[in-house]
Protein backbone atom coordinates (compact mmCIF):
# COMPACT_ATOMS: atom_id res chain seq x y z
CA MET A 1 -9.74 1.11 -22.36
CA ASN A 2 -12.81 2.41 -20.56
CA VAL A 3 -15.35 -0.41 -20.36
CA THR A 4 -18.18 1.87 -19.25
CA LYS A 5 -17.64 4.35 -22.08
CA ASN A 6 -20.91 3.48 -23.85
CA ILE A 7 -22.94 2.64 -20.72
CA PRO A 8 -25.02 5.48 -19.22
CA LEU A 9 -23.79 6.61 -15.79
CA ASP A 10 -27.07 5.80 -14.05
CA ILE A 11 -26.73 2.17 -15.20
CA VAL A 12 -23.17 2.08 -13.82
CA TYR A 13 -24.50 3.30 -10.45
CA ILE A 14 -27.12 0.52 -10.44
CA ILE A 15 -24.53 -2.14 -11.30
CA PHE A 16 -22.16 -1.00 -8.55
CA LYS A 17 -25.03 -0.66 -6.04
CA TYR A 18 -26.12 -4.22 -6.78
CA ALA A 19 -22.59 -5.67 -6.79
CA TYR A 20 -21.25 -3.92 -3.67
CA ASP A 21 -24.39 -2.76 -1.82
CA TYR A 22 -22.92 0.71 -1.64
CA ASP A 23 -24.35 4.07 -2.67
CA PHE A 24 -21.63 5.94 -4.55
CA THR A 25 -21.69 9.72 -4.20
CA SER A 26 -19.56 10.20 -7.32
CA ASP A 27 -18.73 8.21 -10.45
CA PRO A 28 -17.67 4.71 -9.29
CA MET A 29 -15.26 4.45 -12.19
CA LYS A 30 -13.17 7.23 -10.61
CA ASP A 31 -12.66 4.97 -7.59
CA VAL A 32 -11.73 2.08 -9.89
CA ASN A 33 -9.18 4.26 -11.70
CA VAL A 34 -7.65 5.52 -8.44
CA GLN A 35 -7.23 1.95 -7.19
CA LYS A 36 -5.73 0.90 -10.52
CA ASN A 37 -3.21 3.74 -10.26
CA ILE A 38 -2.32 2.74 -6.69
CA GLN A 39 -1.81 -0.88 -7.78
CA GLU A 40 0.51 0.22 -10.58
CA SER A 41 2.48 2.73 -8.47
CA ILE A 42 3.00 1.33 -4.97
CA PRO A 43 4.76 -2.02 -4.49
CA SER A 44 2.20 -4.57 -3.32
CA CYS A 45 4.56 -5.81 -0.59
CA PHE A 46 4.41 -2.29 0.90
CA LEU A 47 0.63 -2.55 1.37
CA MET A 48 -1.49 -4.42 3.90
CA ALA A 49 -2.92 -7.70 2.58
CA THR A 50 -6.33 -7.21 4.19
CA LEU A 51 -8.30 -4.23 5.47
CA PRO A 52 -11.30 -4.03 7.83
CA LYS A 53 -14.72 -2.62 7.07
CA PRO A 54 -15.76 0.23 9.38
CA GLU A 55 -18.24 -1.99 11.22
CA PHE A 56 -15.42 -4.37 12.22
CA PHE A 57 -12.99 -1.66 13.34
CA VAL A 58 -12.67 -0.80 17.02
CA ARG A 59 -10.03 1.81 17.83
CA SER A 60 -9.25 0.35 21.25
CA LEU A 61 -8.10 -3.00 19.81
CA ASP A 62 -4.46 -3.55 19.03
CA TYR A 63 -3.60 -3.90 15.32
CA GLN A 64 -2.14 -7.35 16.04
CA ILE A 65 -5.65 -8.59 16.86
CA TYR A 66 -6.83 -7.52 13.41
CA HIS A 67 -4.15 -9.70 11.83
CA GLU A 68 -5.50 -12.64 13.83
CA LEU A 69 -9.06 -11.84 12.69
CA GLY A 70 -8.25 -11.95 8.99
CA CYS A 71 -11.45 -13.88 8.24
CA ILE A 72 -13.56 -10.73 8.72
CA MET A 73 -11.30 -8.49 6.68
CA VAL A 74 -11.51 -7.68 2.98
CA PRO A 75 -8.54 -8.32 0.64
CA SER A 76 -6.94 -4.92 0.14
CA PRO A 77 -8.12 -3.59 -3.23
CA PHE A 78 -4.96 -1.45 -3.34
CA ARG A 79 -2.68 -4.48 -3.76
CA LYS A 80 -2.00 -5.69 -7.28
CA GLY A 81 -3.88 -8.90 -8.01
CA ASN A 82 -6.67 -8.33 -5.48
CA PRO A 83 -10.26 -7.72 -6.64
CA TYR A 84 -11.91 -4.31 -6.62
CA TYR A 85 -13.78 -3.24 -3.49
CA PRO A 86 -15.20 0.27 -2.95
CA SER A 87 -12.75 2.49 -1.06
CA GLY A 88 -15.65 4.08 0.80
CA ARG A 89 -16.51 0.72 2.39
CA LEU A 90 -13.07 0.40 4.03
CA GLU A 91 -12.09 1.78 7.42
CA ARG A 92 -10.17 5.01 6.78
CA LEU A 93 -8.25 4.99 10.09
CA PHE A 94 -6.72 1.53 9.62
CA PRO A 95 -3.17 1.70 8.20
CA LYS A 96 -2.90 0.88 4.50
CA PHE A 97 0.88 0.37 4.51
CA SER A 98 2.45 -2.82 5.81
CA PRO A 99 4.73 -2.94 8.87
CA ALA A 100 7.05 -5.08 6.71
CA ILE A 101 8.48 -1.80 5.38
CA SER A 102 10.16 -1.19 8.75
CA THR A 103 11.63 -4.70 8.71
CA PHE A 104 12.91 -4.17 5.16
CA VAL A 105 14.59 -0.85 5.96
CA GLY A 106 15.85 -2.21 9.30
CA LEU A 107 17.85 -4.81 7.34
CA LEU A 108 19.63 -2.07 5.40
CA SER A 109 23.37 -2.21 6.12
CA GLY A 110 25.07 0.70 7.86
CA TYR A 111 27.77 0.69 5.20
CA ALA A 112 25.19 1.15 2.42
CA CYS A 113 23.61 4.04 4.32
CA THR A 114 26.95 5.78 4.82
CA LYS A 115 27.98 5.19 1.21
CA ASN A 116 24.69 6.75 0.02
CA HIS A 117 24.79 9.70 2.43
CA THR A 118 21.88 8.50 4.55
CA TYR A 119 21.71 7.97 8.28
CA LYS A 120 20.29 4.56 9.15
CA ALA A 121 18.18 6.06 11.95
CA CYS A 122 16.65 8.53 9.48
CA ALA A 123 15.88 5.69 7.05
CA VAL A 124 14.20 3.65 9.79
CA ARG A 125 12.21 6.71 10.89
CA LYS A 126 11.03 7.30 7.29
CA ALA A 127 9.90 3.66 7.09
CA GLU A 128 8.00 3.93 10.38
CA GLN A 129 6.35 7.15 9.23
CA LEU A 130 5.29 5.54 5.96
CA CYS A 131 3.71 2.64 7.86
CA HIS A 132 1.32 5.14 9.47
CA ALA A 133 0.86 7.42 6.45
CA THR A 134 -2.08 7.68 4.10
CA LEU A 135 -1.92 6.45 0.52
CA GLY A 136 -1.98 10.08 -0.62
CA GLN A 137 1.39 10.65 1.05
CA TRP A 138 3.15 8.01 -1.07
CA ASN A 139 4.52 10.57 -3.53
CA ASP A 140 6.27 12.48 -0.72
CA PHE A 141 7.88 9.37 0.77
CA TYR A 142 8.79 8.03 -2.65
CA ARG A 143 10.40 11.32 -3.72
CA ASP A 144 12.28 11.83 -0.44
CA PHE A 145 13.59 8.33 0.18
CA PHE A 146 12.11 5.25 -1.49
CA SER A 147 13.11 6.24 -5.03
CA LYS A 148 16.82 5.96 -4.15
CA ASP A 149 18.58 3.41 -6.35
CA PHE A 150 20.50 1.77 -3.52
CA LEU A 151 17.22 0.53 -2.00
CA THR A 152 16.58 -1.64 -5.05
CA ASP A 153 19.87 -3.53 -4.78
CA PRO A 154 19.76 -6.54 -2.40
CA VAL A 155 23.54 -6.28 -1.89
CA ASN A 156 22.94 -3.24 0.35
CA PHE A 157 21.00 -5.30 2.91
CA TYR A 158 21.77 -7.95 5.51
CA ARG A 159 20.40 -10.81 3.40
CA PHE A 160 21.66 -13.53 5.72
CA ALA A 161 20.60 -12.03 9.05
CA TYR A 162 17.64 -14.42 9.32
CA PRO A 163 16.55 -17.45 7.30
CA TRP A 164 13.72 -15.41 5.77
CA SER A 165 15.59 -12.15 5.15
CA GLY A 166 17.08 -13.10 1.76
CA PRO A 167 13.74 -13.83 0.03
CA LEU A 168 12.09 -10.83 1.73
CA ILE A 169 14.79 -8.42 0.60
CA THR A 170 14.90 -9.82 -2.94
CA LYS A 171 11.12 -9.54 -3.34
CA MET A 172 10.86 -6.05 -1.83
CA CYS A 173 13.81 -4.70 -3.85
CA ALA A 174 12.34 -6.08 -7.09
CA GLN A 175 8.93 -4.55 -6.42
CA LEU A 176 10.40 -1.24 -5.27
CA ALA A 177 12.37 -1.03 -8.53
CA GLU A 178 9.01 -0.93 -10.38
CA ALA A 179 7.43 1.70 -8.08
CA GLN A 180 6.42 5.08 -9.40
CA PHE A 181 4.61 8.26 -8.42
CA LEU A 182 0.83 8.23 -8.11
CA LEU A 183 -0.76 10.05 -11.03
CA CYS A 184 -4.08 10.76 -9.35
CA SER A 185 -4.76 11.76 -5.79
CA PRO A 186 -6.40 9.03 -3.71
CA GLY A 187 -8.06 11.66 -1.52
CA ARG A 188 -8.47 10.78 2.14
CA LEU A 189 -7.35 7.14 1.80
């Protein structure tokens, strides 16, 4: 249901300008719909929890420092359950995908890879590439690797490698089972 269906577009611009102090160059509802599609398509555990605004982003700082400075970051509007925030007010160069993807794929058993005709090194490389990819590249990574059924079965992972690996694998497998292709292009995100 489109809430702004009966509201004139210039009023929508005023509302969004007042709420987010941001001048939209196009219809703000397009940004809302793109974020909604991302939330429905990409598992939330695959996405960063918080993202910096451009004014807080310094390229020379290590990404680990940004995790320690979470108080100045905005909850990622791309994760399911987080509030809307204009995509244009987020730093475009900061990674949107979580490094937890590499940990998840790293716990994949060698036997499961062999059984499913996948090299473990190739799987780990795909995970590392996704961590540094843009949201618009999700469809390629999902089609090529992350849509494989064996990745949604916790039995194919080392669930007892660490005390935390069982819950991590169970959660990520469950969310990955609900993943789907993006319907609309998120542009340069």
